[in-house]
Amino acid sequence: IVQQFHPAFAPALKAALRDDHNVIRVQAATAIARLENEFLEKTMSLEAAAREQPDNTNAVLALARHYDDQAFTGLLDTTREQDCRVRATDGYERYLAAHPDDTAIRFRLARLHQRRRQWAEAERLFRMLADEGYPGADHWLMESLFAQRRFADLRAVASRFGEDAADHVD
């Protein structure tokens, strides 16, 4: 699990921490500690690179992606997860100041706003991306509209998928 870690594994690790068998709990705790240590080491390395070259947008982007990926692991407590999302957001915004046409990073930034419940900003970015035809942006836009309980707008976006999709939004 550690060598090939994917966020989909997080629930299994968390469940293993509550297992009846001590051996399973110890193995899960060891795996999580190892993942956290790897994250910390990589964080320190990427932060040093970004600090040494503050104008290097690729270093800023690498650090932002790292924080973003860590926030989505499902292993962090709420406070640390939010801190990673804030740091990733800041890094993406710095990067986009120099590379405003990078749609993949705009998508990642919009996704972070969504997860931080910053609905208006997420919606604005997802709407732009959807209008540009960015894959999946419509789905995220619909999630944002649903969270805001804006069902008429949600129907309008869903109608892009055809009449059948708009009929099932209620």
N, C-alpha and C. Protein backbone atom coordinates (compact mmCIF):
# COMPACT_ATOMS: atom_id res chain seq x y z
N ILE A 1 0.84 -1.19 0.00
CA ILE A 1 0.00 0.00 0.00
C ILE A 1 0.87 1.25 0.00
N VAL A 2 1.93 1.25 0.77
CA VAL A 2 2.78 2.44 0.86
C VAL A 2 3.51 2.69 -0.45
N GLN A 3 4.07 1.62 -1.03
CA GLN A 3 4.86 1.80 -2.25
C GLN A 3 4.01 2.25 -3.43
N GLN A 4 2.77 1.83 -3.47
CA GLN A 4 1.89 2.17 -4.59
C GLN A 4 0.69 2.98 -4.08
N PHE A 5 0.92 3.85 -3.11
CA PHE A 5 -0.20 4.53 -2.45
C PHE A 5 -1.05 5.33 -3.44
N HIS A 6 -2.34 5.23 -3.24
CA HIS A 6 -3.33 5.99 -3.98
C HIS A 6 -4.40 6.39 -2.95
N PRO A 7 -5.00 7.59 -3.10
CA PRO A 7 -6.01 8.01 -2.12
C PRO A 7 -7.14 7.00 -1.90
N ALA A 8 -7.41 6.16 -2.87
CA ALA A 8 -8.45 5.15 -2.70
C ALA A 8 -8.09 4.15 -1.60
N PHE A 9 -6.80 4.08 -1.23
CA PHE A 9 -6.37 3.16 -0.19
C PHE A 9 -6.59 3.72 1.22
N ALA A 10 -6.81 5.02 1.33
CA ALA A 10 -6.92 5.67 2.65
C ALA A 10 -7.99 5.04 3.54
N PRO A 11 -9.19 4.77 3.02
CA PRO A 11 -10.19 4.15 3.90
C PRO A 11 -9.74 2.80 4.46
N ALA A 12 -9.02 2.03 3.67
CA ALA A 12 -8.53 0.74 4.15
C ALA A 12 -7.52 0.93 5.28
N LEU A 13 -6.64 1.91 5.12
CA LEU A 13 -5.66 2.18 6.18
C LEU A 13 -6.35 2.68 7.44
N LYS A 14 -7.30 3.57 7.28
CA LYS A 14 -8.02 4.09 8.45
C LYS A 14 -8.81 2.98 9.15
N ALA A 15 -9.43 2.12 8.37
CA ALA A 15 -10.17 1.00 8.95
C ALA A 15 -9.21 0.06 9.68
N ALA A 16 -8.03 -0.13 9.12
CA ALA A 16 -7.05 -1.02 9.74
C ALA A 16 -6.59 -0.48 11.09
N LEU A 17 -6.62 0.84 11.27
CA LEU A 17 -6.25 1.43 12.56
C LEU A 17 -7.24 1.04 13.66
N ARG A 18 -8.44 0.65 13.27
CA ARG A 18 -9.48 0.26 14.23
C ARG A 18 -9.69 -1.25 14.28
N ASP A 19 -8.82 -1.99 13.66
CA ASP A 19 -8.97 -3.44 13.59
C ASP A 19 -8.83 -4.07 14.98
N ASP A 20 -9.45 -5.21 15.17
CA ASP A 20 -9.38 -5.93 16.45
C ASP A 20 -7.99 -6.51 16.72
N HIS A 21 -7.25 -6.77 15.68
CA HIS A 21 -5.93 -7.40 15.83
C HIS A 21 -4.83 -6.34 15.94
N ASN A 22 -4.02 -6.49 16.97
CA ASN A 22 -2.92 -5.54 17.19
C ASN A 22 -1.97 -5.46 16.01
N VAL A 23 -1.68 -6.60 15.42
CA VAL A 23 -0.72 -6.64 14.30
C VAL A 23 -1.22 -5.77 13.15
N ILE A 24 -2.49 -5.85 12.86
CA ILE A 24 -3.07 -5.05 11.77
C ILE A 24 -2.98 -3.56 12.11
N ARG A 25 -3.32 -3.20 13.35
CA ARG A 25 -3.26 -1.79 13.76
C ARG A 25 -1.84 -1.25 13.67
N VAL A 26 -0.87 -2.05 14.10
CA VAL A 26 0.54 -1.63 14.06
C VAL A 26 1.00 -1.46 12.61
N GLN A 27 0.64 -2.40 11.76
CA GLN A 27 1.02 -2.28 10.35
C GLN A 27 0.41 -1.04 9.72
N ALA A 28 -0.85 -0.76 10.01
CA ALA A 28 -1.51 0.42 9.45
C ALA A 28 -0.85 1.70 9.97
N ALA A 29 -0.58 1.75 11.26
CA ALA A 29 0.05 2.94 11.84
C ALA A 29 1.44 3.14 11.25
N THR A 30 2.16 2.05 11.05
CA THR A 30 3.49 2.13 10.45
C THR A 30 3.41 2.64 9.02
N ALA A 31 2.45 2.14 8.27
CA ALA A 31 2.28 2.58 6.88
C ALA A 31 1.94 4.06 6.82
N ILE A 32 1.02 4.50 7.67
CA ILE A 32 0.64 5.91 7.68
C ILE A 32 1.81 6.78 8.10
N ALA A 33 2.55 6.35 9.11
CA ALA A 33 3.72 7.12 9.56
C ALA A 33 4.76 7.23 8.44
N ARG A 34 4.94 6.14 7.72
CA ARG A 34 5.91 6.16 6.60
C ARG A 34 5.44 7.12 5.50
N LEU A 35 4.15 7.09 5.18
CA LEU A 35 3.60 8.01 4.16
C LEU A 35 3.76 9.46 4.61
N GLU A 36 3.46 9.73 5.88
CA GLU A 36 3.60 11.09 6.40
C GLU A 36 5.05 11.55 6.39
N ASN A 37 5.97 10.65 6.71
CA ASN A 37 7.39 10.99 6.67
C ASN A 37 7.84 11.31 5.25
N GLU A 38 7.40 10.49 4.29
CA GLU A 38 7.73 10.76 2.89
C GLU A 38 7.17 12.11 2.44
N PHE A 39 5.95 12.41 2.86
CA PHE A 39 5.35 13.71 2.54
C PHE A 39 6.17 14.84 3.13
N LEU A 40 6.57 14.70 4.39
CA LEU A 40 7.34 15.74 5.05
C LEU A 40 8.68 15.96 4.37
N GLU A 41 9.37 14.88 4.03
CA GLU A 41 10.66 15.01 3.35
C GLU A 41 10.51 15.70 1.99
N LYS A 42 9.50 15.29 1.25
CA LYS A 42 9.28 15.90 -0.06
C LYS A 42 8.86 17.36 0.10
N THR A 43 8.06 17.65 1.10
CA THR A 43 7.65 19.02 1.36
C THR A 43 8.86 19.91 1.63
N MET A 44 9.74 19.44 2.48
CA MET A 44 10.92 20.24 2.82
C MET A 44 11.78 20.49 1.58
N SER A 45 11.94 19.47 0.75
CA SER A 45 12.73 19.61 -0.46
C SER A 45 12.09 20.60 -1.44
N LEU A 46 10.78 20.47 -1.65
CA LEU A 46 10.09 21.37 -2.58
C LEU A 46 10.02 22.80 -2.05
N GLU A 47 9.83 22.95 -0.74
CA GLU A 47 9.81 24.30 -0.16
C GLU A 47 11.17 24.96 -0.30
N ALA A 48 12.24 24.20 -0.10
CA ALA A 48 13.59 24.75 -0.25
C ALA A 48 13.81 25.20 -1.70
N ALA A 49 13.39 24.40 -2.65
CA ALA A 49 13.54 24.76 -4.06
C ALA A 49 12.75 26.03 -4.39
N ALA A 50 11.54 26.12 -3.88
CA ALA A 50 10.70 27.31 -4.15
C ALA A 50 11.28 28.55 -3.45
N ARG A 51 11.86 28.36 -2.28
CA ARG A 51 12.45 29.47 -1.53
C ARG A 51 13.73 29.96 -2.21
N GLU A 52 14.53 29.02 -2.72
CA GLU A 52 15.79 29.38 -3.37
C GLU A 52 15.57 30.06 -4.71
N GLN A 53 14.46 29.73 -5.38
CA GLN A 53 14.15 30.30 -6.69
C GLN A 53 12.71 30.82 -6.69
N PRO A 54 12.45 31.92 -5.98
CA PRO A 54 11.07 32.40 -5.84
C PRO A 54 10.40 32.79 -7.17
N ASP A 55 11.19 33.09 -8.18
CA ASP A 55 10.62 33.45 -9.48
C ASP A 55 10.47 32.24 -10.41
N ASN A 56 10.87 31.08 -9.95
CA ASN A 56 10.76 29.87 -10.74
C ASN A 56 9.34 29.32 -10.57
N THR A 57 8.49 29.59 -11.56
CA THR A 57 7.09 29.17 -11.44
C THR A 57 6.93 27.66 -11.45
N ASN A 58 7.89 26.95 -12.04
CA ASN A 58 7.81 25.48 -12.01
C ASN A 58 8.04 24.94 -10.61
N ALA A 59 8.91 25.58 -9.85
CA ALA A 59 9.13 25.17 -8.45
C ALA A 59 7.90 25.48 -7.61
N VAL A 60 7.29 26.63 -7.85
CA VAL A 60 6.06 26.99 -7.15
C VAL A 60 4.95 26.00 -7.48
N LEU A 61 4.85 25.65 -8.75
CA LEU A 61 3.83 24.71 -9.20
C LEU A 61 4.05 23.32 -8.60
N ALA A 62 5.29 22.86 -8.56
CA ALA A 62 5.58 21.54 -8.00
C ALA A 62 5.16 21.48 -6.53
N LEU A 63 5.43 22.54 -5.79
CA LEU A 63 5.04 22.59 -4.38
C LEU A 63 3.52 22.64 -4.23
N ALA A 64 2.86 23.42 -5.06
CA ALA A 64 1.40 23.51 -5.00
C ALA A 64 0.75 22.16 -5.31
N ARG A 65 1.25 21.49 -6.34
CA ARG A 65 0.70 20.17 -6.68
C ARG A 65 0.91 19.18 -5.54
N HIS A 66 2.07 19.27 -4.93
CA HIS A 66 2.37 18.38 -3.81
C HIS A 66 1.35 18.59 -2.67
N TYR A 67 1.12 19.84 -2.31
CA TYR A 67 0.14 20.13 -1.26
C TYR A 67 -1.27 19.68 -1.68
N ASP A 68 -1.62 19.93 -2.93
CA ASP A 68 -2.93 19.54 -3.45
C ASP A 68 -3.09 18.02 -3.37
N ASP A 69 -2.11 17.30 -3.84
CA ASP A 69 -2.17 15.84 -3.81
C ASP A 69 -2.27 15.32 -2.38
N GLN A 70 -1.52 15.94 -1.48
CA GLN A 70 -1.56 15.51 -0.08
C GLN A 70 -2.93 15.76 0.54
N ALA A 71 -3.55 16.88 0.19
CA ALA A 71 -4.88 17.20 0.73
C ALA A 71 -5.91 16.16 0.30
N PHE A 72 -5.71 15.55 -0.86
CA PHE A 72 -6.66 14.58 -1.39
C PHE A 72 -6.34 13.14 -1.01
N THR A 73 -5.34 12.92 -0.14
CA THR A 73 -5.01 11.54 0.22
C THR A 73 -6.07 10.90 1.09
N GLY A 74 -6.75 11.71 1.89
CA GLY A 74 -7.73 11.15 2.81
C GLY A 74 -7.12 10.68 4.11
N LEU A 75 -5.85 10.93 4.33
CA LEU A 75 -5.18 10.48 5.55
C LEU A 75 -4.99 11.59 6.58
N LEU A 76 -5.14 12.83 6.17
CA LEU A 76 -4.86 13.94 7.07
C LEU A 76 -6.06 14.28 7.94
N ASP A 77 -5.77 14.87 9.10
CA ASP A 77 -6.86 15.39 9.90
C ASP A 77 -7.38 16.65 9.21
N THR A 78 -8.53 17.11 9.60
CA THR A 78 -9.20 18.22 8.92
C THR A 78 -8.34 19.48 8.88
N THR A 79 -7.68 19.80 9.96
CA THR A 79 -6.86 21.02 10.02
C THR A 79 -5.70 20.95 9.04
N ARG A 80 -4.99 19.84 9.04
CA ARG A 80 -3.85 19.69 8.12
C ARG A 80 -4.31 19.65 6.67
N GLU A 81 -5.44 19.00 6.42
CA GLU A 81 -5.98 18.94 5.07
C GLU A 81 -6.31 20.34 4.56
N GLN A 82 -6.96 21.14 5.41
CA GLN A 82 -7.30 22.51 5.02
C GLN A 82 -6.03 23.34 4.81
N ASP A 83 -5.04 23.15 5.66
CA ASP A 83 -3.77 23.89 5.50
C ASP A 83 -3.12 23.54 4.15
N CYS A 84 -3.13 22.28 3.79
CA CYS A 84 -2.57 21.87 2.49
C CYS A 84 -3.36 22.52 1.35
N ARG A 85 -4.67 22.57 1.48
CA ARG A 85 -5.49 23.18 0.42
C ARG A 85 -5.22 24.67 0.30
N VAL A 86 -5.05 25.35 1.42
CA VAL A 86 -4.74 26.79 1.38
C VAL A 86 -3.39 27.01 0.70
N ARG A 87 -2.40 26.23 1.08
CA ARG A 87 -1.06 26.37 0.50
C ARG A 87 -1.07 26.03 -1.00
N ALA A 88 -1.82 25.00 -1.37
CA ALA A 88 -1.92 24.65 -2.79
C ALA A 88 -2.61 25.77 -3.56
N THR A 89 -3.67 26.32 -2.99
CA THR A 89 -4.39 27.42 -3.64
C THR A 89 -3.45 28.59 -3.87
N ASP A 90 -2.70 28.96 -2.85
CA ASP A 90 -1.76 30.08 -2.98
C ASP A 90 -0.73 29.81 -4.07
N GLY A 91 -0.20 28.61 -4.10
CA GLY A 91 0.80 28.26 -5.11
C GLY A 91 0.22 28.28 -6.52
N TYR A 92 -0.98 27.72 -6.68
CA TYR A 92 -1.61 27.73 -8.00
C TYR A 92 -1.89 29.15 -8.47
N GLU A 93 -2.34 29.99 -7.54
CA GLU A 93 -2.62 31.39 -7.93
C GLU A 93 -1.34 32.11 -8.33
N ARG A 94 -0.25 31.86 -7.63
CA ARG A 94 1.04 32.45 -8.02
C ARG A 94 1.47 31.96 -9.39
N TYR A 95 1.32 30.67 -9.61
CA TYR A 95 1.69 30.09 -10.90
C TYR A 95 0.82 30.67 -12.02
N LEU A 96 -0.47 30.74 -11.79
CA LEU A 96 -1.39 31.23 -12.83
C LEU A 96 -1.20 32.71 -13.14
N ALA A 97 -0.63 33.45 -12.20
CA ALA A 97 -0.32 34.86 -12.48
C ALA A 97 0.66 34.96 -13.65
N ALA A 98 1.53 33.98 -13.77
CA ALA A 98 2.51 33.96 -14.87
C ALA A 98 2.05 33.12 -16.05
N HIS A 99 1.11 32.19 -15.81
CA HIS A 99 0.65 31.26 -16.85
C HIS A 99 -0.88 31.19 -16.85
N PRO A 100 -1.55 32.28 -17.16
CA PRO A 100 -3.02 32.31 -17.04
C PRO A 100 -3.76 31.37 -17.99
N ASP A 101 -3.10 30.89 -19.02
CA ASP A 101 -3.78 30.02 -19.98
C ASP A 101 -3.65 28.53 -19.66
N ASP A 102 -3.06 28.19 -18.54
CA ASP A 102 -2.89 26.79 -18.18
C ASP A 102 -4.20 26.26 -17.61
N THR A 103 -4.98 25.63 -18.48
CA THR A 103 -6.32 25.18 -18.07
C THR A 103 -6.26 24.05 -17.05
N ALA A 104 -5.27 23.19 -17.13
CA ALA A 104 -5.18 22.09 -16.17
C ALA A 104 -4.99 22.62 -14.75
N ILE A 105 -4.20 23.67 -14.60
CA ILE A 105 -3.98 24.24 -13.27
C ILE A 105 -5.20 25.06 -12.84
N ARG A 106 -5.85 25.73 -13.77
CA ARG A 106 -7.10 26.43 -13.42
C ARG A 106 -8.13 25.43 -12.92
N PHE A 107 -8.17 24.24 -13.54
CA PHE A 107 -9.10 23.19 -13.10
C PHE A 107 -8.75 22.75 -11.68
N ARG A 108 -7.48 22.51 -11.42
CA ARG A 108 -7.06 22.09 -10.08
C ARG A 108 -7.39 23.17 -9.05
N LEU A 109 -7.20 24.43 -9.43
CA LEU A 109 -7.52 25.53 -8.52
C LEU A 109 -9.03 25.58 -8.26
N ALA A 110 -9.81 25.43 -9.29
CA ALA A 110 -11.27 25.44 -9.13
C ALA A 110 -11.71 24.30 -8.22
N ARG A 111 -11.10 23.15 -8.39
CA ARG A 111 -11.42 21.99 -7.56
C ARG A 111 -11.10 22.28 -6.09
N LEU A 112 -9.98 22.95 -5.85
CA LEU A 112 -9.63 23.32 -4.48
C LEU A 112 -10.64 24.30 -3.89
N HIS A 113 -11.04 25.29 -4.68
CA HIS A 113 -12.06 26.22 -4.19
C HIS A 113 -13.32 25.47 -3.82
N GLN A 114 -13.68 24.51 -4.64
CA GLN A 114 -14.88 23.71 -4.38
C GLN A 114 -14.75 22.97 -3.05
N ARG A 115 -13.62 22.32 -2.85
CA ARG A 115 -13.42 21.55 -1.63
C ARG A 115 -13.32 22.45 -0.40
N ARG A 116 -12.97 23.71 -0.62
CA ARG A 116 -12.89 24.67 0.49
C ARG A 116 -14.23 25.41 0.67
N ARG A 117 -15.23 24.99 -0.10
CA ARG A 117 -16.57 25.56 -0.05
C ARG A 117 -16.61 27.03 -0.45
N GLN A 118 -15.70 27.40 -1.31
CA GLN A 118 -15.68 28.76 -1.88
C GLN A 118 -16.44 28.67 -3.20
N TRP A 119 -17.75 28.55 -3.07
CA TRP A 119 -18.61 28.21 -4.19
C TRP A 119 -18.55 29.21 -5.33
N ALA A 120 -18.59 30.50 -5.03
CA ALA A 120 -18.62 31.50 -6.10
C ALA A 120 -17.36 31.44 -6.95
N GLU A 121 -16.21 31.33 -6.31
CA GLU A 121 -14.95 31.28 -7.06
C GLU A 121 -14.84 29.97 -7.84
N ALA A 122 -15.25 28.87 -7.21
CA ALA A 122 -15.22 27.58 -7.91
C ALA A 122 -16.15 27.63 -9.12
N GLU A 123 -17.35 28.15 -8.92
CA GLU A 123 -18.30 28.23 -10.03
C GLU A 123 -17.75 29.07 -11.17
N ARG A 124 -17.17 30.21 -10.84
CA ARG A 124 -16.62 31.10 -11.88
C ARG A 124 -15.58 30.37 -12.72
N LEU A 125 -14.66 29.69 -12.06
CA LEU A 125 -13.61 28.98 -12.79
C LEU A 125 -14.15 27.78 -13.56
N PHE A 126 -15.03 27.01 -12.94
CA PHE A 126 -15.60 25.86 -13.64
C PHE A 126 -16.45 26.29 -14.83
N ARG A 127 -17.15 27.39 -14.69
CA ARG A 127 -17.97 27.88 -15.81
C ARG A 127 -17.06 28.27 -16.98
N MET A 128 -15.96 28.97 -16.68
CA MET A 128 -15.01 29.33 -17.74
C MET A 128 -14.45 28.08 -18.41
N LEU A 129 -14.05 27.13 -17.59
CA LEU A 129 -13.48 25.89 -18.12
C LEU A 129 -14.50 25.11 -18.94
N ALA A 130 -15.73 25.06 -18.45
CA ALA A 130 -16.79 24.35 -19.19
C ALA A 130 -17.05 25.02 -20.53
N ASP A 131 -17.06 26.36 -20.53
CA ASP A 131 -17.27 27.09 -21.78
C ASP A 131 -16.13 26.84 -22.77
N GLU A 132 -14.94 26.58 -22.24
CA GLU A 132 -13.79 26.27 -23.09
C GLU A 132 -13.76 24.79 -23.49
N GLY A 133 -14.71 24.01 -22.95
CA GLY A 133 -14.77 22.59 -23.30
C GLY A 133 -13.82 21.71 -22.51
N TYR A 134 -13.35 22.19 -21.36
CA TYR A 134 -12.42 21.39 -20.57
C TYR A 134 -13.15 20.15 -20.04
N PRO A 135 -12.59 18.96 -20.25
CA PRO A 135 -13.25 17.71 -19.84
C PRO A 135 -13.54 17.65 -18.34
N GLY A 136 -14.77 17.35 -18.01
CA GLY A 136 -15.17 17.20 -16.61
C GLY A 136 -15.59 18.47 -15.91
N ALA A 137 -15.32 19.62 -16.50
CA ALA A 137 -15.65 20.88 -15.84
C ALA A 137 -17.16 21.03 -15.62
N ASP A 138 -17.95 20.54 -16.58
CA ASP A 138 -19.41 20.61 -16.42
C ASP A 138 -19.87 19.84 -15.18
N HIS A 139 -19.28 18.69 -14.94
CA HIS A 139 -19.67 17.88 -13.78
C HIS A 139 -19.36 18.59 -12.47
N TRP A 140 -18.19 19.17 -12.41
CA TRP A 140 -17.81 19.90 -11.20
C TRP A 140 -18.66 21.16 -11.04
N LEU A 141 -18.97 21.81 -12.15
CA LEU A 141 -19.84 22.99 -12.11
C LEU A 141 -21.20 22.59 -11.55
N MET A 142 -21.73 21.46 -11.99
CA MET A 142 -23.02 21.00 -11.48
C MET A 142 -22.96 20.71 -9.99
N GLU A 143 -21.86 20.15 -9.52
CA GLU A 143 -21.71 19.90 -8.08
C GLU A 143 -21.74 21.22 -7.32
N SER A 144 -21.07 22.23 -7.85
CA SER A 144 -21.06 23.54 -7.22
C SER A 144 -22.46 24.15 -7.17
N LEU A 145 -23.17 24.08 -8.27
CA LEU A 145 -24.53 24.61 -8.32
C LEU A 145 -25.45 23.85 -7.37
N PHE A 146 -25.30 22.54 -7.29
CA PHE A 146 -26.10 21.73 -6.38
C PHE A 146 -25.83 22.14 -4.93
N ALA A 147 -24.57 22.31 -4.57
CA ALA A 147 -24.21 22.69 -3.21
C ALA A 147 -24.80 24.05 -2.84
N GLN A 148 -24.94 24.90 -3.84
CA GLN A 148 -25.53 26.23 -3.61
C GLN A 148 -27.05 26.21 -3.72
N ARG A 149 -27.60 25.03 -4.00
CA ARG A 149 -29.04 24.83 -4.15
C ARG A 149 -29.62 25.68 -5.27
N ARG A 150 -28.84 25.84 -6.33
CA ARG A 150 -29.27 26.62 -7.50
C ARG A 150 -29.70 25.64 -8.57
N PHE A 151 -30.87 25.06 -8.37
CA PHE A 151 -31.34 23.95 -9.20
C PHE A 151 -31.71 24.36 -10.62
N ALA A 152 -32.22 25.57 -10.80
CA ALA A 152 -32.54 26.02 -12.17
C ALA A 152 -31.26 26.13 -12.99
N ASP A 153 -30.21 26.69 -12.40
CA ASP A 153 -28.93 26.79 -13.09
C ASP A 153 -28.34 25.40 -13.33
N LEU A 154 -28.54 24.51 -12.36
CA LEU A 154 -28.07 23.14 -12.50
C LEU A 154 -28.75 22.45 -13.68
N ARG A 155 -30.05 22.67 -13.82
CA ARG A 155 -30.78 22.08 -14.96
C ARG A 155 -30.24 22.61 -16.28
N ALA A 156 -29.93 23.90 -16.31
CA ALA A 156 -29.41 24.50 -17.55
C ALA A 156 -28.08 23.85 -17.95
N VAL A 157 -27.21 23.63 -16.98
CA VAL A 157 -25.93 23.00 -17.28
C VAL A 157 -26.15 21.54 -17.66
N ALA A 158 -27.02 20.87 -16.93
CA ALA A 158 -27.29 19.45 -17.21
C ALA A 158 -27.90 19.28 -18.59
N SER A 159 -28.61 20.27 -19.05
CA SER A 159 -29.25 20.15 -20.37
C SER A 159 -28.23 20.05 -21.49
N ARG A 160 -27.00 20.43 -21.22
CA ARG A 160 -25.93 20.27 -22.22
C ARG A 160 -25.68 18.80 -22.53
N PHE A 161 -26.07 17.94 -21.58
CA PHE A 161 -25.88 16.50 -21.76
C PHE A 161 -27.07 15.85 -22.46
N GLY A 162 -28.07 16.64 -22.77
CA GLY A 162 -29.25 16.11 -23.44
C GLY A 162 -30.47 16.23 -22.55
N GLU A 163 -31.62 16.10 -23.14
CA GLU A 163 -32.88 16.28 -22.42
C GLU A 163 -33.04 15.29 -21.26
N ASP A 164 -32.61 14.06 -21.46
CA ASP A 164 -32.79 13.07 -20.40
C ASP A 164 -32.05 13.47 -19.13
N ALA A 165 -30.86 14.01 -19.27
CA ALA A 165 -30.08 14.39 -18.09
C ALA A 165 -30.77 15.50 -17.32
N ALA A 166 -31.31 16.49 -18.01
CA ALA A 166 -31.98 17.61 -17.34
C ALA A 166 -33.23 17.17 -16.60
N ASP A 167 -33.89 16.12 -17.07
CA ASP A 167 -35.10 15.63 -16.42
C ASP A 167 -34.83 14.94 -15.09
N HIS A 168 -33.59 14.53 -14.83
CA HIS A 168 -33.29 13.78 -13.62
C HIS A 168 -32.57 14.61 -12.57
N VAL A 169 -32.62 15.93 -12.69
CA VAL A 169 -31.91 16.80 -11.75
C VAL A 169 -32.70 17.06 -10.48
N ASP A 170 -34.02 16.94 -10.51
CA ASP A 170 -34.84 17.22 -9.32
C ASP A 170 -34.38 16.37 -8.20
